[in-house]
PDB file of all heavy atoms in Angstrom:
ATOM      1  N   HIS A   1     135.051  82.914 144.891  1.00  0.00           N
ATOM      2  CA  HIS A   1     134.626  82.313 143.631  1.00  0.00           C
ATOM      3  C   HIS A   1     134.347  83.413 142.629  1.00  0.00           C
ATOM      4  O   HIS A   1     133.563  84.328 142.895  1.00  0.00           O
ATOM      5  CB  HIS A   1     133.370  81.462 143.852  1.00  0.00           C
ATOM      6  CG  HIS A   1     132.873  80.802 142.597  1.00  0.00           C
ATOM      7  ND1 HIS A   1     133.584  79.816 141.955  1.00  0.00           N
ATOM      8  CD2 HIS A   1     131.737  80.998 141.870  1.00  0.00           C
ATOM      9  CE1 HIS A   1     132.913  79.417 140.885  1.00  0.00           C
ATOM     10  NE2 HIS A   1     131.787  80.126 140.807  1.00  0.00           N
ATOM     11  N   ASP A   2     135.003  83.327 141.491  1.00  0.00           N
ATOM     12  CA  ASP A   2     134.924  84.333 140.448  1.00  0.00           C
ATOM     13  C   ASP A   2     134.183  83.746 139.245  1.00  0.00           C
ATOM     14  O   ASP A   2     134.781  83.071 138.407  1.00  0.00           O
ATOM     15  CB  ASP A   2     136.342  84.757 140.061  1.00  0.00           C
ATOM     16  CG  ASP A   2     136.349  85.855 139.010  1.00  0.00           C
ATOM     17  OD1 ASP A   2     135.304  86.472 138.806  1.00  0.00           O
ATOM     18  OD2 ASP A   2     137.418  86.090 138.412  1.00  0.00           O
ATOM     19  N   PRO A   3     132.877  83.962 139.138  1.00  0.00           N
ATOM     20  CA  PRO A   3     132.138  83.415 137.991  1.00  0.00           C
ATOM     21  C   PRO A   3     132.646  84.017 136.683  1.00  0.00           C
ATOM     22  O   PRO A   3     133.078  85.170 136.639  1.00  0.00           O
ATOM     23  CB  PRO A   3     130.687  83.844 138.264  1.00  0.00           C
ATOM     24  CG  PRO A   3     130.627  84.148 139.726  1.00  0.00           C
ATOM     25  CD  PRO A   3     131.992  84.690 140.068  1.00  0.00           C
ATOM     26  N   ALA A   4     132.609  83.223 135.623  1.00  0.00           N
ATOM     27  CA  ALA A   4     133.063  83.692 134.313  1.00  0.00           C
ATOM     28  C   ALA A   4     132.309  84.958 133.940  1.00  0.00           C
ATOM     29  O   ALA A   4     131.082  84.996 134.000  1.00  0.00           O
ATOM     30  CB  ALA A   4     132.847  82.610 133.268  1.00  0.00           C
ATOM     31  N   HIS A   5     133.041  86.003 133.576  1.00  0.00           N
ATOM     32  CA  HIS A   5     132.374  87.259 133.272  1.00  0.00           C
ATOM     33  C   HIS A   5     132.923  87.957 132.034  1.00  0.00           C
ATOM     34  O   HIS A   5     132.643  89.135 131.813  1.00  0.00           O
ATOM     35  CB  HIS A   5     132.447  88.211 134.476  1.00  0.00           C
ATOM     36  CG  HIS A   5     133.834  88.508 134.949  1.00  0.00           C
ATOM     37  ND1 HIS A   5     134.403  87.867 136.022  1.00  0.00           N
ATOM     38  CD2 HIS A   5     134.767  89.382 134.501  1.00  0.00           C
ATOM     39  CE1 HIS A   5     135.621  88.338 136.227  1.00  0.00           C
ATOM     40  NE2 HIS A   5     135.865  89.258 135.306  1.00  0.00           N
ATOM     41  N   SER A   6     133.690  87.252 131.231  1.00  0.00           N
ATOM     42  CA  SER A   6     134.179  87.886 130.013  1.00  0.00           C
ATOM     43  C   SER A   6     133.047  87.973 128.993  1.00  0.00           C
ATOM     44  O   SER A   6     132.082  87.214 129.030  1.00  0.00           O
ATOM     45  CB  SER A   6     135.354  87.107 129.422  1.00  0.00           C
ATOM     46  OG  SER A   6     134.937  85.819 129.037  1.00  0.00           O
ATOM     47  N   VAL A   7     133.165  88.907 128.088  1.00  0.00           N
ATOM     48  CA  VAL A   7     132.173  89.053 127.032  1.00  0.00           C
ATOM     49  C   VAL A   7     132.279  87.863 126.079  1.00  0.00           C
ATOM     50  O   VAL A   7     133.377  87.458 125.692  1.00  0.00           O
ATOM     51  CB  VAL A   7     132.379  90.378 126.281  1.00  0.00           C
ATOM     52  CG1 VAL A   7     131.438  90.473 125.080  1.00  0.00           C
ATOM     53  CG2 VAL A   7     132.145  91.547 127.220  1.00  0.00           C
ATOM     54  N   THR A   8     131.143  87.307 125.705  1.00  0.00           N
ATOM     55  CA  THR A   8     131.136  86.144 124.813  1.00  0.00           C
ATOM     56  C   THR A   8     130.147  86.364 123.668  1.00  0.00           C
ATOM     57  O   THR A   8     129.213  87.172 123.760  1.00  0.00           O
ATOM     58  CB  THR A   8     130.749  84.859 125.571  1.00  0.00           C
ATOM     59  OG1 THR A   8     129.421  85.009 126.100  1.00  0.00           O
ATOM     60  CG2 THR A   8     131.710  84.593 126.711  1.00  0.00           C
ATOM     61  N   TRP A   9     130.373  85.614 122.592  1.00  0.00           N
ATOM     62  CA  TRP A   9     129.472  85.670 121.434  1.00  0.00           C
ATOM     63  C   TRP A   9     128.227  84.857 121.751  1.00  0.00           C
ATOM     64  O   TRP A   9     128.294  83.700 122.152  1.00  0.00           O
ATOM     65  CB  TRP A   9     130.167  85.119 120.194  1.00  0.00           C
ATOM     66  CG  TRP A   9     129.273  85.000 118.995  1.00  0.00           C
ATOM     67  CD1 TRP A   9     128.750  83.855 118.466  1.00  0.00           C
ATOM     68  CD2 TRP A   9     128.798  86.069 118.162  1.00  0.00           C
ATOM     69  NE1 TRP A   9     127.987  84.143 117.371  1.00  0.00           N
ATOM     70  CE2 TRP A   9     127.995  85.496 117.159  1.00  0.00           C
ATOM     71  CE3 TRP A   9     128.990  87.452 118.180  1.00  0.00           C
ATOM     72  CZ2 TRP A   9     127.370  86.255 116.166  1.00  0.00           C
ATOM     73  CZ3 TRP A   9     128.357  88.213 117.202  1.00  0.00           C
ATOM     74  CH2 TRP A   9     127.570  87.631 116.212  1.00  0.00           C
ATOM     75  N   ASN A  10     127.055  85.480 121.561  1.00  0.00           N
ATOM     76  CA  ASN A  10     125.781  84.845 121.870  1.00  0.00           C
ATOM     77  C   ASN A  10     124.893  84.739 120.640  1.00  0.00           C
ATOM     78  O   ASN A  10     123.737  84.340 120.734  1.00  0.00           O
ATOM     79  CB  ASN A  10     125.054  85.660 122.954  1.00  0.00           C
ATOM     80  CG  ASN A  10     123.851  84.958 123.518  1.00  0.00           C
ATOM     81  OD1 ASN A  10     123.932  83.808 123.891  1.00  0.00           O
ATOM     82  ND2 ASN A  10     122.720  85.657 123.573  1.00  0.00           N
ATOM     83  N   GLY A  11     125.452  85.079 119.475  1.00  0.00           N
ATOM     84  CA  GLY A  11     124.660  85.083 118.252  1.00  0.00           C
ATOM     85  C   GLY A  11     124.737  83.762 117.509  1.00  0.00           C
ATOM     86  O   GLY A  11     125.331  82.786 117.980  1.00  0.00           O
ATOM     87  N   PRO A  12     124.134  83.706 116.339  1.00  0.00           N
ATOM     88  CA  PRO A  12     124.173  82.478 115.525  1.00  0.00           C
ATOM     89  C   PRO A  12     125.565  82.246 114.946  1.00  0.00           C
ATOM     90  O   PRO A  12     126.435  83.114 115.021  1.00  0.00           O
ATOM     91  CB  PRO A  12     123.152  82.784 114.418  1.00  0.00           C
ATOM     92  CG  PRO A  12     123.162  84.281 114.304  1.00  0.00           C
ATOM     93  CD  PRO A  12     123.386  84.801 115.691  1.00  0.00           C
ATOM     94  N   ILE A  13     125.764  81.070 114.362  1.00  0.00           N
ATOM     95  CA  ILE A  13     127.053  80.744 113.740  1.00  0.00           C
ATOM     96  C   ILE A  13     126.818  80.261 112.312  1.00  0.00           C
ATOM     97  O   ILE A  13     127.414  79.281 111.849  1.00  0.00           O
ATOM     98  CB  ILE A  13     127.828  79.687 114.557  1.00  0.00           C
ATOM     99  CG1 ILE A  13     126.964  78.458 114.832  1.00  0.00           C
ATOM    100  CG2 ILE A  13     128.341  80.268 115.856  1.00  0.00           C
ATOM    101  CD1 ILE A  13     127.723  77.308 115.472  1.00  0.00           C
ATOM    102  N   THR A  14     125.964  80.975 111.604  1.00  0.00           N
ATOM    103  CA  THR A  14     125.567  80.576 110.254  1.00  0.00           C
ATOM    104  C   THR A  14     126.331  81.311 109.164  1.00  0.00           C
ATOM    105  O   THR A  14     126.195  80.973 107.998  1.00  0.00           O
ATOM    106  CB  THR A  14     124.061  80.840 110.062  1.00  0.00           C
ATOM    107  OG1 THR A  14     123.784  82.214 110.395  1.00  0.00           O
ATOM    108  CG2 THR A  14     123.242  79.920 110.976  1.00  0.00           C
ATOM    109  N   ARG A  15     127.126  82.316 109.544  1.00  0.00           N
ATOM    110  CA  ARG A  15     127.911  83.068 108.573  1.00  0.00           C
ATOM    111  C   ARG A  15     129.363  83.114 109.008  1.00  0.00           C
ATOM    112  O   ARG A  15     129.676  82.918 110.180  1.00  0.00           O
ATOM    113  CB  ARG A  15     127.381  84.503 108.452  1.00  0.00           C
ATOM    114  CG  ARG A  15     126.026  84.610 107.825  1.00  0.00           C
ATOM    115  CD  ARG A  15     125.527  86.036 107.652  1.00  0.00           C
ATOM    116  NE  ARG A  15     126.362  87.094 108.188  1.00  0.00           N
ATOM    117  CZ  ARG A  15     125.901  88.328 108.393  1.00  0.00           C
ATOM    118  NH1 ARG A  15     124.641  88.627 108.129  1.00  0.00           N
ATOM    119  NH2 ARG A  15     126.696  89.257 108.871  1.00  0.00           N
ATOM    120  N   ALA A  16     130.221  83.407 108.040  1.00  0.00           N
ATOM    121  CA  ALA A  16     131.653  83.405 108.333  1.00  0.00           C
ATOM    122  C   ALA A  16     132.015  84.414 109.412  1.00  0.00           C
ATOM    123  O   ALA A  16     132.802  84.117 110.326  1.00  0.00           O
ATOM    124  CB  ALA A  16     132.443  83.684 107.057  1.00  0.00           C
ATOM    125  N   ASP A  17     131.448  85.631 109.332  1.00  0.00           N
ATOM    126  CA  ASP A  17     131.816  86.631 110.335  1.00  0.00           C
ATOM    127  C   ASP A  17     131.261  86.270 111.710  1.00  0.00           C
ATOM    128  O   ASP A  17     131.852  86.596 112.735  1.00  0.00           O
ATOM    129  CB  ASP A  17     131.364  88.028 109.909  1.00  0.00           C
ATOM    130  CG  ASP A  17     129.895  88.111 109.533  1.00  0.00           C
ATOM    131  OD1 ASP A  17     129.259  87.053 109.371  1.00  0.00           O
ATOM    132  OD2 ASP A  17     129.387  89.245 109.382  1.00  0.00           O
ATOM    133  N   TYR A  18     130.123  85.537 111.761  1.00  0.00           N
ATOM    134  CA  TYR A  18     129.590  85.106 113.043  1.00  0.00           C
ATOM    135  C   TYR A  18     130.476  84.037 113.684  1.00  0.00           C
ATOM    136  O   TYR A  18     130.757  84.075 114.885  1.00  0.00           O
ATOM    137  CB  TYR A  18     128.177  84.542 112.871  1.00  0.00           C
ATOM    138  CG  TYR A  18     127.127  85.555 112.462  1.00  0.00           C
ATOM    139  CD1 TYR A  18     125.877  85.141 112.014  1.00  0.00           C
ATOM    140  CD2 TYR A  18     127.378  86.922 112.523  1.00  0.00           C
ATOM    141  CE1 TYR A  18     124.901  86.056 111.649  1.00  0.00           C
ATOM    142  CE2 TYR A  18     126.418  87.844 112.152  1.00  0.00           C
ATOM    143  CZ  TYR A  18     125.176  87.403 111.710  1.00  0.00           C
ATOM    144  OH  TYR A  18     124.215  88.309 111.347  1.00  0.00           O
ATOM    145  N   VAL A  19     130.925  83.075 112.867  1.00  0.00           N
ATOM    146  CA  VAL A  19     131.802  82.034 113.411  1.00  0.00           C
ATOM    147  C   VAL A  19     133.123  82.641 113.867  1.00  0.00           C
ATOM    148  O   VAL A  19     133.707  82.223 114.868  1.00  0.00           O
ATOM    149  CB  VAL A  19     132.060  80.922 112.378  1.00  0.00           C
ATOM    150  CG1 VAL A  19     132.838  79.766 113.028  1.00  0.00           C
ATOM    151  CG2 VAL A  19     130.751  80.398 111.810  1.00  0.00           C
ATOM    152  N   ALA A  20     133.575  83.649 113.136  1.00  0.00           N
ATOM    153  CA  ALA A  20     134.812  84.329 113.512  1.00  0.00           C
ATOM    154  C   ALA A  20     134.698  84.911 114.912  1.00  0.00           C
ATOM    155  O   ALA A  20     135.606  84.788 115.739  1.00  0.00           O
ATOM    156  CB  ALA A  20     135.117  85.433 112.505  1.00  0.00           C
ATOM    157  N   GLU A  21     133.573  85.566 115.200  1.00  0.00           N
ATOM    158  CA  GLU A  21     133.374  86.125 116.534  1.00  0.00           C
ATOM    159  C   GLU A  21     133.300  85.014 117.578  1.00  0.00           C
ATOM    160  O   GLU A  21     133.853  85.149 118.679  1.00  0.00           O
ATOM    161  CB  GLU A  21     132.082  86.960 116.563  1.00  0.00           C
ATOM    162  CG  GLU A  21     132.032  88.115 115.590  1.00  0.00           C
ATOM    163  CD  GLU A  21     132.889  89.291 116.029  1.00  0.00           C
ATOM    164  OE1 GLU A  21     133.732  89.133 116.936  1.00  0.00           O
ATOM    165  OE2 GLU A  21     132.719  90.384 115.458  1.00  0.00           O
ATOM    166  N   ALA A  22     132.639  83.915 117.251  1.00  0.00           N
ATOM    167  CA  ALA A  22     132.535  82.802 118.199  1.00  0.00           C
ATOM    168  C   ALA A  22     133.890  82.186 118.496  1.00  0.00           C
ATOM    169  O   ALA A  22     134.131  81.685 119.601  1.00  0.00           O
ATOM    170  CB  ALA A  22     131.585  81.733 117.645  1.00  0.00           C
ATOM    171  N   LEU A  23     134.809  82.215 117.521  1.00  0.00           N
ATOM    172  CA  LEU A  23     136.149  81.682 117.736  1.00  0.00           C
ATOM    173  C   LEU A  23     136.910  82.474 118.790  1.00  0.00           C
ATOM    174  O   LEU A  23     137.599  81.903 119.638  1.00  0.00           O
ATOM    175  CB  LEU A  23     136.947  81.718 116.427  1.00  0.00           C
ATOM    176  CG  LEU A  23     136.924  80.486 115.541  1.00  0.00           C
ATOM    177  CD1 LEU A  23     137.592  80.791 114.215  1.00  0.00           C
ATOM    178  CD2 LEU A  23     137.614  79.326 116.231  1.00  0.00           C
ATOM    179  N   LEU A  24     136.804  83.787 118.735  1.00  0.00           N
ATOM    180  CA  LEU A  24     137.598  84.619 119.624  1.00  0.00           C
ATOM    181  C   LEU A  24     136.861  85.000 120.905  1.00  0.00           C
ATOM    182  O   LEU A  24     137.482  85.481 121.849  1.00  0.00           O
ATOM    183  CB  LEU A  24     138.068  85.867 118.887  1.00  0.00           C
ATOM    184  CG  LEU A  24     139.112  85.589 117.805  1.00  0.00           C
ATOM    185  CD1 LEU A  24     139.471  86.858 117.075  1.00  0.00           C
ATOM    186  CD2 LEU A  24     140.354  84.962 118.406  1.00  0.00           C
ATOM    187  N   TYR A  25     135.566  84.774 120.953  1.00  0.00           N
ATOM    188  CA  TYR A  25     134.800  85.085 122.160  1.00  0.00           C
ATOM    189  C   TYR A  25     133.960  83.907 122.613  1.00  0.00           C
ATOM    190  O   TYR A  25     132.746  83.990 122.693  1.00  0.00           O
ATOM    191  CB  TYR A  25     133.944  86.333 121.928  1.00  0.00           C
ATOM    192  CG  TYR A  25     134.805  87.529 121.733  1.00  0.00           C
ATOM    193  CD1 TYR A  25     135.139  87.972 120.469  1.00  0.00           C
ATOM    194  CD2 TYR A  25     135.359  88.179 122.816  1.00  0.00           C
ATOM    195  CE1 TYR A  25     135.986  89.043 120.292  1.00  0.00           C
ATOM    196  CE2 TYR A  25     136.211  89.251 122.652  1.00  0.00           C
ATOM    197  CZ  TYR A  25     136.520  89.673 121.387  1.00  0.00           C
ATOM    198  OH  TYR A  25     137.362  90.733 121.217  1.00  0.00           O
ATOM    199  N   PRO A  26     134.625  82.787 122.912  1.00  0.00           N
ATOM    200  CA  PRO A  26     133.886  81.614 123.397  1.00  0.00           C
ATOM    201  C   PRO A  26     133.511  81.788 124.864  1.00  0.00           C
ATOM    202  O   PRO A  26     133.962  82.710 125.541  1.00  0.00           O
ATOM    203  CB  PRO A  26     134.902  80.484 123.221  1.00  0.00           C
ATOM    204  CG  PRO A  26     136.209  81.160 123.455  1.00  0.00           C
ATOM    205  CD  PRO A  26     136.061  82.546 122.854  1.00  0.00           C
ATOM    206  N   LYS A  27     132.676  80.884 125.349  1.00  0.00           N
ATOM    207  CA  LYS A  27     132.346  80.896 126.767  1.00  0.00           C
ATOM    208  C   LYS A  27     133.595  80.552 127.568  1.00  0.00           C
ATOM    209  O   LYS A  27     134.398  79.716 127.174  1.00  0.00           O
ATOM    210  CB  LYS A  27     131.242  79.881 127.067  1.00  0.00           C
ATOM    211  CG  LYS A  27     129.902  80.253 126.465  1.00  0.00           C
ATOM    212  CD  LYS A  27     128.829  79.242 126.831  1.00  0.00           C
ATOM    213  CE  LYS A  27     127.481  79.643 126.239  1.00  0.00           C
ATOM    214  NZ  LYS A  27     126.420  78.658 126.568  1.00  0.00           N
ATOM    215  N   THR A  28     133.757  81.205 128.695  1.00  0.00           N
ATOM    216  CA  THR A  28     134.917  80.965 129.551  1.00  0.00           C
ATOM    217  C   THR A  28     134.493  80.267 130.834  1.00  0.00           C
ATOM    218  O   THR A  28     133.306  80.112 131.116  1.00  0.00           O
ATOM    219  CB  THR A  28     135.611  82.296 129.885  1.00  0.00           C
ATOM    220  OG1 THR A  28     134.652  83.202 130.456  1.00  0.00           O
ATOM    221  CG2 THR A  28     136.182  82.930 128.619  1.00  0.00           C
ATOM    222  N   ALA A  29     135.472  79.848 131.612  1.00  0.00           N
ATOM    223  CA  ALA A  29     135.192  79.070 132.816  1.00  0.00           C
ATOM    224  C   ALA A  29     135.313  79.937 134.069  1.00  0.00           C
ATOM    225  O   ALA A  29     136.012  80.947 134.088  1.00  0.00           O
ATOM    226  CB  ALA A  29     136.162  77.887 132.903  1.00  0.00           C
ATOM    227  N   ASP A  30     134.620  79.495 135.123  1.00  0.00           N
ATOM    228  CA  ASP A  30     134.755  80.139 136.427  1.00  0.00           C
ATOM    229  C   ASP A  30     136.181  79.949 136.940  1.00  0.00           C
ATOM    230  O   ASP A  30     136.893  79.018 136.535  1.00  0.00           O
ATOM    231  CB  ASP A  30     133.783  79.533 137.437  1.00  0.00           C
ATOM    232  CG  ASP A  30     132.331  79.725 137.045  1.00  0.00           C
ATOM    233  OD1 ASP A  30     132.072  80.403 136.041  1.00  0.00           O
ATOM    234  OD2 ASP A  30     131.460  79.187 137.746  1.00  0.00           O
ATOM    235  N   GLN A  31     136.589  80.830 137.866  1.00  0.00           N
ATOM    236  CA  GLN A  31     137.875  80.679 138.523  1.00  0.00           C
ATOM    237  C   GLN A  31     137.686  80.661 140.036  1.00  0.00           C
ATOM    238  O   GLN A  31     136.802  81.335 140.570  1.00  0.00           O
ATOM    239  CB  GLN A  31     138.816  81.832 138.160  1.00  0.00           C
ATOM    240  CG  GLN A  31     139.272  81.826 136.715  1.00  0.00           C
ATOM    241  CD  GLN A  31     140.387  82.830 136.484  1.00  0.00           C
ATOM    242  OE1 GLN A  31     141.470  82.736 137.062  1.00  0.00           O
ATOM    243  NE2 GLN A  31     140.136  83.807 135.636  1.00  0.00           N
ATOM    244  N   ASN A  32     138.517  79.892 140.697  1.00  0.00           N
ATOM    245  CA  ASN A  32     138.536  79.853 142.160  1.00  0.00           C
ATOM    246  C   ASN A  32     139.844  80.461 142.645  1.00  0.00           C
ATOM    247  O   ASN A  32     140.925  80.067 142.209  1.00  0.00           O
ATOM    248  CB  ASN A  32     138.404  78.418 142.665  1.00  0.00           C
ATOM    249  CG  ASN A  32     137.055  77.816 142.342  1.00  0.00           C
ATOM    250  OD1 ASN A  32     136.028  78.418 142.629  1.00  0.00           O
ATOM    251  ND2 ASN A  32     137.041  76.638 141.733  1.00  0.00           N
ATOM    252  N   HIS A  33     139.735  81.436 143.531  1.00  0.00           N
ATOM    253  CA  HIS A  33     140.896  82.140 144.064  1.00  0.00           C
ATOM    254  C   HIS A  33     141.176  81.679 145.501  1.00  0.00           C
ATOM    255  O   HIS A  33     140.248  81.523 146.296  1.00  0.00           O
ATOM    256  CB  HIS A  33     140.647  83.650 144.093  1.00  0.00           C
ATOM    257  CG  HIS A  33     140.581  84.280 142.737  1.00  0.00           C
ATOM    258  ND1 HIS A  33     141.523  85.183 142.300  1.00  0.00           N
ATOM    259  CD2 HIS A  33     139.691  84.143 141.724  1.00  0.00           C
ATOM    260  CE1 HIS A  33     141.207  85.582 141.071  1.00  0.00           C
ATOM    261  NE2 HIS A  33     140.096  84.968 140.713  1.00  0.00           N
ATOM    262  N   TYR A  34     142.454  81.517 145.798  1.00  0.00           N
ATOM    263  CA  TYR A  34     142.879  81.159 147.148  1.00  0.00           C
ATOM    264  C   TYR A  34     143.917  82.188 147.601  1.00  0.00           C
ATOM    265  O   TYR A  34     144.794  82.574 146.822  1.00  0.00           O
ATOM    266  CB  TYR A  34     143.483  79.755 147.172  1.00  0.00           C
ATOM    267  CG  TYR A  34     142.530  78.697 146.667  1.00  0.00           C
ATOM    268  CD1 TYR A  34     142.503  78.351 145.314  1.00  0.00           C
ATOM    269  CD2 TYR A  34     141.630  78.064 147.537  1.00  0.00           C
ATOM    270  CE1 TYR A  34     141.621  77.397 144.834  1.00  0.00           C
ATOM    271  CE2 TYR A  34     140.744  77.102 147.057  1.00  0.00           C
ATOM    272  CZ  TYR A  34     140.745  76.782 145.713  1.00  0.00           C
ATOM    273  OH  TYR A  34     139.855  75.841 145.245  1.00  0.00           O
ATOM    274  N   SER A  35     143.798  82.634 148.841  1.00  0.00           N
ATOM    275  CA  SER A  35     144.710  83.668 149.319  1.00  0.00           C
ATOM    276  C   SER A  35     145.266  83.323 150.693  1.00  0.00           C
ATOM    277  O   SER A  35     144.637  82.610 151.483  1.00  0.00           O
ATOM    278  CB  SER A  35     143.992  85.021 149.383  1.00  0.00           C
ATOM    279  OG  SER A  35     142.939  84.988 150.329  1.00  0.00           O
ATOM    280  N   ILE A  36     146.457  83.837 150.952  1.00  0.00           N
ATOM    281  CA  ILE A  36     147.087  83.713 152.259  1.00  0.00           C
ATOM    282  C   ILE A  36     147.708  85.069 152.593  1.00  0.00           C
ATOM    283  O   ILE A  36     147.975  85.879 151.698  1.00  0.00           O
ATOM    284  CB  ILE A  36     148.166  82.611 152.302  1.00  0.00           C
ATOM    285  CG1 ILE A  36     149.244  82.871 151.228  1.00  0.00           C
ATOM    286  CG2 ILE A  36     147.557  81.234 152.133  1.00  0.00           C
ATOM    287  CD1 ILE A  36     150.428  81.936 151.327  1.00  0.00           C
ATOM    288  N   GLY A  37     147.929  85.300 153.861  1.00  0.00           N
ATOM    289  CA  GLY A  37     148.537  86.557 154.248  1.00  0.00           C
ATOM    290  C   GLY A  37     148.905  86.582 155.707  1.00  0.00           C
ATOM    291  O   GLY A  37     148.680  85.611 156.448  1.00  0.00           O
ATOM    292  N   GLY A  38     149.485  87.680 156.124  1.00  0.00           N
ATOM    293  CA  GLY A  38     149.880  87.838 157.517  1.00  0.00           C
ATOM    294  C   GLY A  38     150.198  89.290 157.802  1.00  0.00           C
ATOM    295  O   GLY A  38     150.136  90.151 156.911  1.00  0.00           O
ATOM    296  N   GLY A  39     150.528  89.561 159.043  1.00  0.00           N
ATOM    297  CA  GLY A  39     150.864  90.930 159.401  1.00  0.00           C
ATOM    298  C   GLY A  39     151.349  91.064 160.820  1.00  0.00           C
ATOM    299  O   GLY A  39     151.156  90.156 161.647  1.00  0.00           O
ATOM    300  N   PHE A  40     152.018  92.182 161.109  1.00  0.00           N
ATOM    301  CA  PHE A  40     152.514  92.491 162.449  1.00  0.00           C
ATOM    302  C   PHE A  40     151.904  93.829 162.882  1.00  0.00           C
ATOM    303  O   PHE A  40     151.782  94.759 162.083  1.00  0.00           O
ATOM    304  CB  PHE A  40     154.041  92.591 162.459  1.00  0.00           C
ATOM    305  CG  PHE A  40     154.722  91.298 162.112  1.00  0.00           C
ATOM    306  CD1 PHE A  40     155.000  90.976 160.789  1.00  0.00           C
ATOM    307  CD2 PHE A  40     155.073  90.394 163.111  1.00  0.00           C
ATOM    308  CE1 PHE A  40     155.632  89.784 160.461  1.00  0.00           C
ATOM    309  CE2 PHE A  40     155.701  89.201 162.792  1.00  0.00           C
ATOM    310  CZ  PHE A  40     155.972  88.891 161.470  1.00  0.00           C
ATOM    311  N   ALA A  41     151.524  93.912 164.143  1.00  0.00           N
ATOM    312  CA  ALA A  41     150.848  95.115 164.638  1.00  0.00           C
ATOM    313  C   ALA A  41     151.537  95.641 165.892  1.00  0.00           C
ATOM    314  O   ALA A  41     151.806  94.889 166.833  1.00  0.00           O
ATOM    315  CB  ALA A  41     149.386  94.810 164.939  1.00  0.00           C
TER     316      ALA A  41
END
C-alpha cells in the first residue's frame, strides 16, 4: 500500500496565485500495488 505522498497545496485559496497552486498541486489518492514473480535456482 502506497499512501499518497506527492507535495500538495495546503494554503488558502483567496488569491489568484493561491488558486493557481491549488490547481496544479491538489490532493492525490493512495495507490495499491500488486506483484508477481518467479525464479529458478
